[in-house]
């Protein structure tokens, strides 16, 4: 699994980019909730479980929505998950 950082600029890409379809069936999906999202991310997790049938959803809520998730949590999710959703929803 690749862990991407939002820091820095992306190089320009020539030509047309195509989005790949994301398949989560049978995959382990992580969700990091910023703790400010109300019902959005819990609803997303429930919808994923019902509609996409992942093998597992690992849900983690930050105790401080303004601070980054601890490195230990990021490393754990990077090790255990096929994809991770980081949510900021107000």
PDB file of N, CA and C in Angstrom:
ATOM      1  N   UNK A   1       0.844  -1.165   0.000  1.00  0.00           N
ATOM      2  CA  UNK A   1       0.000   0.000   0.000  1.00  0.00           C
ATOM      3  C   UNK A   1       0.890   1.228   0.000  1.00  0.00           C
ATOM      4  N   UNK A   2       0.490   2.227  -0.770  1.00  0.00           N
ATOM      5  CA  UNK A   2       1.208   3.495  -0.794  1.00  0.00           C
ATOM      6  C   UNK A   2       0.514   4.472   0.138  1.00  0.00           C
ATOM      7  N   UNK A   3       1.280   5.193   0.929  1.00  0.00           N
ATOM      8  CA  UNK A   3       0.750   6.266   1.766  1.00  0.00           C
ATOM      9  C   UNK A   3       1.149   7.569   1.087  1.00  0.00           C
ATOM     10  N   UNK A   4       0.155   8.360   0.697  1.00  0.00           N
ATOM     11  CA  UNK A   4       0.415   9.592  -0.026  1.00  0.00           C
ATOM     12  C   UNK A   4       0.355  10.789   0.907  1.00  0.00           C
ATOM     13  N   UNK A   5       1.198  11.753   0.634  1.00  0.00           N
ATOM     14  CA  UNK A   5       1.226  12.984   1.415  1.00  0.00           C
ATOM     15  C   UNK A   5       0.654  14.119   0.572  1.00  0.00           C
ATOM     16  N   UNK A   6      -0.191  14.973   1.154  1.00  0.00           N
ATOM     17  CA  UNK A   6      -0.739  16.088   0.391  1.00  0.00           C
ATOM     18  C   UNK A   6       0.224  17.267   0.260  1.00  0.00           C
ATOM     19  N   UNK A   7       1.449  17.102   0.722  1.00  0.00           N
ATOM     20  CA  UNK A   7       2.423  18.182   0.714  1.00  0.00           C
ATOM     21  C   UNK A   7       3.114  18.239  -0.648  1.00  0.00           C
ATOM     22  N   UNK A   8       3.302  19.446  -1.146  1.00  0.00           N
ATOM     23  CA  UNK A   8       4.020  19.608  -2.400  1.00  0.00           C
ATOM     24  C   UNK A   8       3.089  19.735  -3.587  1.00  0.00           C
ATOM     25  N   UNK A   9       3.678  19.893  -4.763  1.00  0.00           N
ATOM     26  CA  UNK A   9       2.898  20.053  -5.978  1.00  0.00           C
ATOM     27  C   UNK A   9       3.052  18.825  -6.858  1.00  0.00           C
ATOM     28  N   UNK A  10       1.982  18.531  -7.576  1.00  0.00           N
ATOM     29  CA  UNK A  10       2.024  17.415  -8.519  1.00  0.00           C
ATOM     30  C   UNK A  10       2.608  17.908  -9.833  1.00  0.00           C
ATOM     31  N   UNK A  11       3.424  17.083 -10.474  1.00  0.00           N
ATOM     32  CA  UNK A  11       3.942  17.487 -11.779  1.00  0.00           C
ATOM     33  C   UNK A  11       2.809  17.512 -12.809  1.00  0.00           C
ATOM     34  N   UNK A  12       2.945  18.384 -13.795  1.00  0.00           N
ATOM     35  CA  UNK A  12       1.938  18.461 -14.853  1.00  0.00           C
ATOM     36  C   UNK A  12       1.949  17.164 -15.656  1.00  0.00           C
ATOM     37  N   UNK A  13       0.759  16.693 -16.005  1.00  0.00           N
ATOM     38  CA  UNK A  13       0.627  15.469 -16.790  1.00  0.00           C
ATOM     39  C   UNK A  13      -0.005  15.834 -18.120  1.00  0.00           C
ATOM     40  N   UNK A  14       0.658  15.444 -19.199  1.00  0.00           N
ATOM     41  CA  UNK A  14       0.112  15.732 -20.516  1.00  0.00           C
ATOM     42  C   UNK A  14      -0.868  14.641 -20.912  1.00  0.00           C
ATOM     43  N   UNK A  15      -1.845  15.027 -21.702  1.00  0.00           N
ATOM     44  CA  UNK A  15      -2.816  14.048 -22.172  1.00  0.00           C
ATOM     45  C   UNK A  15      -3.981  13.919 -21.213  1.00  0.00           C
ATOM     46  N   UNK A  16      -4.854  13.021 -21.539  1.00  0.00           N
ATOM     47  CA  UNK A  16      -6.068  12.828 -20.756  1.00  0.00           C
ATOM     48  C   UNK A  16      -5.850  11.753 -19.700  1.00  0.00           C
ATOM     49  N   UNK A  17      -6.309  12.026 -18.492  1.00  0.00           N
ATOM     50  CA  UNK A  17      -6.213  11.045 -17.421  1.00  0.00           C
ATOM     51  C   UNK A  17      -7.523  10.289 -17.323  1.00  0.00           C
ATOM     52  N   UNK A  18      -7.436   9.004 -17.065  1.00  0.00           N
ATOM     53  CA  UNK A  18      -8.619   8.174 -16.895  1.00  0.00           C
ATOM     54  C   UNK A  18      -8.672   7.687 -15.460  1.00  0.00           C
ATOM     55  N   UNK A  19      -9.833   7.825 -14.855  1.00  0.00           N
ATOM     56  CA  UNK A  19     -10.006   7.347 -13.485  1.00  0.00           C
ATOM     57  C   UNK A  19     -10.254   5.854 -13.514  1.00  0.00           C
ATOM     58  N   UNK A  20      -9.586   5.157 -12.638  1.00  0.00           N
ATOM     59  CA  UNK A  20      -9.831   3.730 -12.498  1.00  0.00           C
ATOM     60  C   UNK A  20     -11.037   3.516 -11.609  1.00  0.00           C
ATOM     61  N   UNK A  21     -11.823   2.517 -11.943  1.00  0.00           N
ATOM     62  CA  UNK A  21     -12.927   2.139 -11.061  1.00  0.00           C
ATOM     63  C   UNK A  21     -12.335   1.523  -9.803  1.00  0.00           C
ATOM     64  N   UNK A  22     -12.874   1.896  -8.672  1.00  0.00           N
ATOM     65  CA  UNK A  22     -12.387   1.372  -7.401  1.00  0.00           C
ATOM     66  C   UNK A  22     -13.270   0.207  -6.999  1.00  0.00           C
ATOM     67  N   UNK A  23     -12.653  -0.922  -6.768  1.00  0.00           N
ATOM     68  CA  UNK A  23     -13.388  -2.095  -6.314  1.00  0.00           C
ATOM     69  C   UNK A  23     -12.987  -2.368  -4.870  1.00  0.00           C
ATOM     70  N   UNK A  24     -13.964  -2.430  -3.994  1.00  0.00           N
ATOM     71  CA  UNK A  24     -13.657  -2.666  -2.588  1.00  0.00           C
ATOM     72  C   UNK A  24     -14.176  -4.011  -2.100  1.00  0.00           C
ATOM     73  N   UNK A  25     -14.863  -4.733  -2.965  1.00  0.00           N
ATOM     74  CA  UNK A  25     -15.389  -6.039  -2.565  1.00  0.00           C
ATOM     75  C   UNK A  25     -14.235  -6.951  -2.148  1.00  0.00           C
ATOM     76  N   UNK A  26     -14.302  -7.453  -0.933  1.00  0.00           N
ATOM     77  CA  UNK A  26     -13.265  -8.343  -0.418  1.00  0.00           C
ATOM     78  C   UNK A  26     -12.019  -7.641   0.090  1.00  0.00           C
ATOM     79  N   UNK A  27     -11.980  -6.325   0.029  1.00  0.00           N
ATOM     80  CA  UNK A  27     -10.818  -5.559   0.475  1.00  0.00           C
ATOM     81  C   UNK A  27     -11.031  -5.063   1.908  1.00  0.00           C
ATOM     82  N   UNK A  28      -9.944  -4.698   2.563  1.00  0.00           N
ATOM     83  CA  UNK A  28     -10.014  -4.095   3.898  1.00  0.00           C
ATOM     84  C   UNK A  28      -9.931  -2.582   3.706  1.00  0.00           C
ATOM     85  N   UNK A  29     -10.967  -1.879   4.172  1.00  0.00           N
ATOM     86  CA  UNK A  29     -11.061  -0.435   3.995  1.00  0.00           C
ATOM     87  C   UNK A  29     -10.925   0.246   5.352  1.00  0.00           C
ATOM     88  N   UNK A  30     -10.049   1.227   5.441  1.00  0.00           N
ATOM     89  CA  UNK A  30      -9.897   2.013   6.659  1.00  0.00           C
ATOM     90  C   UNK A  30     -10.582   3.359   6.505  1.00  0.00           C
ATOM     91  N   UNK A  31     -11.133   3.862   7.592  1.00  0.00           N
ATOM     92  CA  UNK A  31     -11.724   5.200   7.599  1.00  0.00           C
ATOM     93  C   UNK A  31     -11.169   5.945   8.809  1.00  0.00           C
ATOM     94  N   UNK A  32     -10.572   7.113   8.552  1.00  0.00           N
ATOM     95  CA  UNK A  32     -10.130   7.994   9.631  1.00  0.00           C
ATOM     96  C   UNK A  32     -11.121   9.149   9.681  1.00  0.00           C
ATOM     97  N   UNK A  33     -11.861   9.228  10.765  1.00  0.00           N
ATOM     98  CA  UNK A  33     -12.879  10.260  10.971  1.00  0.00           C
ATOM     99  C   UNK A  33     -12.246  11.393  11.771  1.00  0.00           C
ATOM    100  N   UNK A  34     -12.425  12.636  11.316  1.00  0.00           N
ATOM    101  CA  UNK A  34     -11.839  13.773  12.027  1.00  0.00           C
ATOM    102  C   UNK A  34     -12.578  14.120  13.315  1.00  0.00           C
ATOM    103  N   UNK A  35     -13.683  13.436  13.584  1.00  0.00           N
ATOM    104  CA  UNK A  35     -14.446  13.683  14.800  1.00  0.00           C
ATOM    105  C   UNK A  35     -15.400  14.854  14.687  1.00  0.00           C
ATOM    106  N   UNK A  36     -15.412  15.519  13.543  1.00  0.00           N
ATOM    107  CA  UNK A  36     -16.280  16.675  13.332  1.00  0.00           C
ATOM    108  C   UNK A  36     -17.370  16.390  12.309  1.00  0.00           C
ATOM    109  N   UNK A  37     -17.441  15.158  11.842  1.00  0.00           N
ATOM    110  CA  UNK A  37     -18.251  14.862  10.664  1.00  0.00           C
ATOM    111  C   UNK A  37     -19.708  14.538  10.942  1.00  0.00           C
ATOM    112  N   UNK A  38     -20.130  14.525  12.179  1.00  0.00           N
ATOM    113  CA  UNK A  38     -21.520  14.160  12.448  1.00  0.00           C
ATOM    114  C   UNK A  38     -21.799  12.742  11.998  1.00  0.00           C
ATOM    115  N   UNK A  39     -22.824  12.568  11.183  1.00  0.00           N
ATOM    116  CA  UNK A  39     -23.242  11.225  10.784  1.00  0.00           C
ATOM    117  C   UNK A  39     -22.704  10.809   9.422  1.00  0.00           C
ATOM    118  N   UNK A  40     -21.991  11.692   8.718  1.00  0.00           N
ATOM    119  CA  UNK A  40     -21.593  11.384   7.347  1.00  0.00           C
ATOM    120  C   UNK A  40     -20.689  10.156   7.245  1.00  0.00           C
ATOM    121  N   UNK A  41     -19.572  10.151   7.940  1.00  0.00           N
ATOM    122  CA  UNK A  41     -18.634   9.036   7.808  1.00  0.00           C
ATOM    123  C   UNK A  41     -19.157   7.736   8.409  1.00  0.00           C
ATOM    124  N   UNK A  42     -19.864   7.756   9.550  1.00  0.00           N
ATOM    125  CA  UNK A  42     -20.477   6.501  10.002  1.00  0.00           C
ATOM    126  C   UNK A  42     -21.476   5.959   8.971  1.00  0.00           C
ATOM    127  N   UNK A  43     -22.223   6.861   8.327  1.00  0.00           N
ATOM    128  CA  UNK A  43     -23.165   6.430   7.286  1.00  0.00           C
ATOM    129  C   UNK A  43     -22.406   5.854   6.088  1.00  0.00           C
ATOM    130  N   UNK A  44     -21.294   6.479   5.714  1.00  0.00           N
ATOM    131  CA  UNK A  44     -20.466   5.967   4.625  1.00  0.00           C
ATOM    132  C   UNK A  44     -19.961   4.564   4.946  1.00  0.00           C
ATOM    133  N   UNK A  45     -19.496   4.360   6.181  1.00  0.00           N
ATOM    134  CA  UNK A  45     -19.011   3.037   6.586  1.00  0.00           C
ATOM    135  C   UNK A  45     -20.120   1.997   6.489  1.00  0.00           C
ATOM    136  N   UNK A  46     -21.319   2.340   6.957  1.00  0.00           N
ATOM    137  CA  UNK A  46     -22.447   1.408   6.894  1.00  0.00           C
ATOM    138  C   UNK A  46     -22.833   1.116   5.448  1.00  0.00           C
ATOM    139  N   UNK A  47     -22.817   2.146   4.608  1.00  0.00           N
ATOM    140  CA  UNK A  47     -23.152   1.959   3.196  1.00  0.00           C
ATOM    141  C   UNK A  47     -22.121   1.073   2.511  1.00  0.00           C
ATOM    142  N   UNK A  48     -20.846   1.289   2.817  1.00  0.00           N
ATOM    143  CA  UNK A  48     -19.800   0.422   2.262  1.00  0.00           C
ATOM    144  C   UNK A  48     -20.026  -1.031   2.655  1.00  0.00           C
ATOM    145  N   UNK A  49     -20.323  -1.259   3.927  1.00  0.00           N
ATOM    146  CA  UNK A  49     -20.539  -2.629   4.413  1.00  0.00           C
ATOM    147  C   UNK A  49     -21.680  -3.294   3.661  1.00  0.00           C
ATOM    148  N   UNK A  50     -22.766  -2.558   3.426  1.00  0.00           N
ATOM    149  CA  UNK A  50     -23.947  -3.140   2.790  1.00  0.00           C
ATOM    150  C   UNK A  50     -23.791  -3.271   1.284  1.00  0.00           C
ATOM    151  N   UNK A  51     -23.317  -2.231   0.624  1.00  0.00           N
ATOM    152  CA  UNK A  51     -23.331  -2.201  -0.833  1.00  0.00           C
ATOM    153  C   UNK A  51     -22.072  -2.773  -1.480  1.00  0.00           C
ATOM    154  N   UNK A  52     -20.916  -2.501  -0.896  1.00  0.00           N
ATOM    155  CA  UNK A  52     -19.665  -2.882  -1.537  1.00  0.00           C
ATOM    156  C   UNK A  52     -19.105  -4.198  -1.032  1.00  0.00           C
ATOM    157  N   UNK A  53     -19.570  -4.638   0.108  1.00  0.00           N
ATOM    158  CA  UNK A  53     -19.150  -5.901   0.713  1.00  0.00           C
ATOM    159  C   UNK A  53     -17.627  -6.039   0.846  1.00  0.00           C
ATOM    160  N   UNK A  54     -17.013  -5.072   1.540  1.00  0.00           N
ATOM    161  CA  UNK A  54     -15.583  -5.243   1.797  1.00  0.00           C
ATOM    162  C   UNK A  54     -15.375  -6.374   2.797  1.00  0.00           C
ATOM    163  N   UNK A  55     -14.165  -6.891   2.853  1.00  0.00           N
ATOM    164  CA  UNK A  55     -13.860  -7.932   3.828  1.00  0.00           C
ATOM    165  C   UNK A  55     -13.993  -7.371   5.241  1.00  0.00           C
ATOM    166  N   UNK A  56     -13.617  -6.094   5.406  1.00  0.00           N
ATOM    167  CA  UNK A  56     -13.623  -5.477   6.731  1.00  0.00           C
ATOM    168  C   UNK A  56     -13.526  -3.966   6.571  1.00  0.00           C
ATOM    169  N   UNK A  57     -14.168  -3.236   7.480  1.00  0.00           N
ATOM    170  CA  UNK A  57     -13.998  -1.786   7.563  1.00  0.00           C
ATOM    171  C   UNK A  57     -13.409  -1.486   8.933  1.00  0.00           C
ATOM    172  N   UNK A  58     -12.247  -0.827   8.949  1.00  0.00           N
ATOM    173  CA  UNK A  58     -11.610  -0.409  10.197  1.00  0.00           C
ATOM    174  C   UNK A  58     -11.893   1.081  10.354  1.00  0.00           C
ATOM    175  N   UNK A  59     -12.621   1.438  11.404  1.00  0.00           N
ATOM    176  CA  UNK A  59     -13.066   2.818  11.606  1.00  0.00           C
ATOM    177  C   UNK A  59     -12.317   3.399  12.795  1.00  0.00           C
ATOM    178  N   UNK A  60     -11.660   4.538  12.593  1.00  0.00           N
ATOM    179  CA  UNK A  60     -10.922   5.175  13.671  1.00  0.00           C
ATOM    180  C   UNK A  60     -11.302   6.647  13.725  1.00  0.00           C
ATOM    181  N   UNK A  61     -11.630   7.154  14.913  1.00  0.00           N
ATOM    182  CA  UNK A  61     -12.010   8.556  15.095  1.00  0.00           C
ATOM    183  C   UNK A  61     -10.909   9.300  15.843  1.00  0.00           C
ATOM    184  N   UNK A  62     -10.476  10.424  15.277  1.00  0.00           N
ATOM    185  CA  UNK A  62      -9.464  11.251  15.936  1.00  0.00           C
ATOM    186  C   UNK A  62     -10.076  11.913  17.163  1.00  0.00           C
ATOM    187  N   UNK A  63      -9.286  12.091  18.201  1.00  0.00           N
ATOM    188  CA  UNK A  63      -9.768  12.760  19.406  1.00  0.00           C
ATOM    189  C   UNK A  63      -9.692  14.278  19.264  1.00  0.00           C
ATOM    190  N   UNK A  64      -8.863  14.754  18.330  1.00  0.00           N
ATOM    191  CA  UNK A  64      -8.732  16.183  18.066  1.00  0.00           C
ATOM    192  C   UNK A  64      -8.822  16.379  16.556  1.00  0.00           C
ATOM    193  N   UNK A  65      -9.953  16.900  16.095  1.00  0.00           N
ATOM    194  CA  UNK A  65     -10.176  17.054  14.665  1.00  0.00           C
ATOM    195  C   UNK A  65      -9.190  17.965  13.967  1.00  0.00           C
ATOM    196  N   UNK A  66      -8.533  18.848  14.709  1.00  0.00           N
ATOM    197  CA  UNK A  66      -7.581  19.769  14.108  1.00  0.00           C
ATOM    198  C   UNK A  66      -6.163  19.240  14.034  1.00  0.00           C
ATOM    199  N   UNK A  67      -5.904  18.116  14.663  1.00  0.00           N
ATOM    200  CA  UNK A  67      -4.557  17.548  14.686  1.00  0.00           C
ATOM    201  C   UNK A  67      -4.468  16.364  13.727  1.00  0.00           C
ATOM    202  N   UNK A  68      -3.278  16.076  13.233  1.00  0.00           N
ATOM    203  CA  UNK A  68      -3.129  14.899  12.380  1.00  0.00           C
ATOM    204  C   UNK A  68      -3.346  13.618  13.181  1.00  0.00           C
ATOM    205  N   UNK A  69      -3.697  12.566  12.488  1.00  0.00           N
ATOM    206  CA  UNK A  69      -3.797  11.262  13.144  1.00  0.00           C
ATOM    207  C   UNK A  69      -2.399  10.852  13.600  1.00  0.00           C
ATOM    208  N   UNK A  70      -2.302  10.153  14.722  1.00  0.00           N
ATOM    209  CA  UNK A  70      -0.991   9.703  15.188  1.00  0.00           C
ATOM    210  C   UNK A  70      -0.315   8.800  14.152  1.00  0.00           C
ATOM    211  N   UNK A  71       0.994   8.904  14.067  1.00  0.00           N
ATOM    212  CA  UNK A  71       1.758   8.100  13.124  1.00  0.00           C
ATOM    213  C   UNK A  71       1.498   6.611  13.320  1.00  0.00           C
ATOM    214  N   UNK A  72       1.316   6.182  14.574  1.00  0.00           N
ATOM    215  CA  UNK A  72       1.066   4.761  14.839  1.00  0.00           C
ATOM    216  C   UNK A  72      -0.228   4.292  14.177  1.00  0.00           C
ATOM    217  N   UNK A  73      -1.251   5.146  14.167  1.00  0.00           N
ATOM    218  CA  UNK A  73      -2.528   4.801  13.525  1.00  0.00           C
ATOM    219  C   UNK A  73      -2.351   4.755  12.012  1.00  0.00           C
ATOM    220  N   UNK A  74      -1.650   5.742  11.459  1.00  0.00           N
ATOM    221  CA  UNK A  74      -1.407   5.767  10.019  1.00  0.00           C
ATOM    222  C   UNK A  74      -0.636   4.522   9.589  1.00  0.00           C
ATOM    223  N   UNK A  75       0.390   4.162  10.347  1.00  0.00           N
ATOM    224  CA  UNK A  75       1.177   2.974  10.014  1.00  0.00           C
ATOM    225  C   UNK A  75       0.343   1.703  10.126  1.00  0.00           C
ATOM    226  N   UNK A  76      -0.496   1.615  11.156  1.00  0.00           N
ATOM    227  CA  UNK A  76      -1.353   0.444  11.329  1.00  0.00           C
ATOM    228  C   UNK A  76      -2.311   0.305  10.149  1.00  0.00           C
ATOM    229  N   UNK A  77      -2.976   1.400   9.777  1.00  0.00           N
ATOM    230  CA  UNK A  77      -3.916   1.346   8.666  1.00  0.00           C
ATOM    231  C   UNK A  77      -3.202   1.066   7.346  1.00  0.00           C
ATOM    232  N   UNK A  78      -2.015   1.635   7.156  1.00  0.00           N
ATOM    233  CA  UNK A  78      -1.246   1.367   5.940  1.00  0.00           C
ATOM    234  C   UNK A  78      -0.886  -0.112   5.848  1.00  0.00           C
ATOM    235  N   UNK A  79      -0.619  -0.728   6.980  1.00  0.00           N
ATOM    236  CA  UNK A  79      -0.248  -2.145   7.017  1.00  0.00           C
ATOM    237  C   UNK A  79      -1.463  -3.056   6.824  1.00  0.00           C
ATOM    238  N   UNK A  80      -2.601  -2.697   7.424  1.00  0.00           N
ATOM    239  CA  UNK A  80      -3.762  -3.586   7.450  1.00  0.00           C
ATOM    240  C   UNK A  80      -4.763  -3.366   6.321  1.00  0.00           C
ATOM    241  N   UNK A  81      -4.758  -2.193   5.696  1.00  0.00           N
ATOM    242  CA  UNK A  81      -5.836  -1.835   4.762  1.00  0.00           C
ATOM    243  C   UNK A  81      -5.367  -1.826   3.310  1.00  0.00           C
ATOM    244  N   UNK A  82      -6.325  -2.101   2.427  1.00  0.00           N
ATOM    245  CA  UNK A  82      -6.076  -1.982   0.996  1.00  0.00           C
ATOM    246  C   UNK A  82      -6.319  -0.552   0.520  1.00  0.00           C
ATOM    247  N   UNK A  83      -7.196   0.176   1.208  1.00  0.00           N
ATOM    248  CA  UNK A  83      -7.489   1.579   0.904  1.00  0.00           C
ATOM    249  C   UNK A  83      -7.945   2.251   2.191  1.00  0.00           C
ATOM    250  N   UNK A  84      -7.657   3.546   2.316  1.00  0.00           N
ATOM    251  CA  UNK A  84      -8.062   4.306   3.501  1.00  0.00           C
ATOM    252  C   UNK A  84      -8.734   5.598   3.051  1.00  0.00           C
ATOM    253  N   UNK A  85      -9.858   5.908   3.687  1.00  0.00           N
ATOM    254  CA  UNK A  85     -10.580   7.154   3.444  1.00  0.00           C
ATOM    255  C   UNK A  85     -10.315   8.055   4.640  1.00  0.00           C
ATOM    256  N   UNK A  86      -9.815   9.259   4.372  1.00  0.00           N
ATOM    257  CA  UNK A  86      -9.600  10.232   5.433  1.00  0.00           C
ATOM    258  C   UNK A  86     -10.667  11.296   5.254  1.00  0.00           C
ATOM    259  N   UNK A  87     -11.536  11.430   6.260  1.00  0.00           N
ATOM    260  CA  UNK A  87     -12.685  12.306   6.098  1.00  0.00           C
ATOM    261  C   UNK A  87     -12.579  13.591   6.877  1.00  0.00           C
ATOM    262  N   UNK A  88     -12.866  14.678   6.182  1.00  0.00           N
ATOM    263  CA  UNK A  88     -13.037  15.972   6.813  1.00  0.00           C
ATOM    264  C   UNK A  88     -14.409  16.448   6.362  1.00  0.00           C
ATOM    265  N   UNK A  89     -15.374  16.321   7.231  1.00  0.00           N
ATOM    266  CA  UNK A  89     -16.748  16.682   6.857  1.00  0.00           C
ATOM    267  C   UNK A  89     -17.361  17.504   7.971  1.00  0.00           C
ATOM    268  N   UNK A  90     -17.756  18.698   7.654  1.00  0.00           N
ATOM    269  CA  UNK A  90     -18.365  19.574   8.651  1.00  0.00           C
ATOM    270  C   UNK A  90     -19.850  19.655   8.430  1.00  0.00           C
TER     271      UNK A  90
END
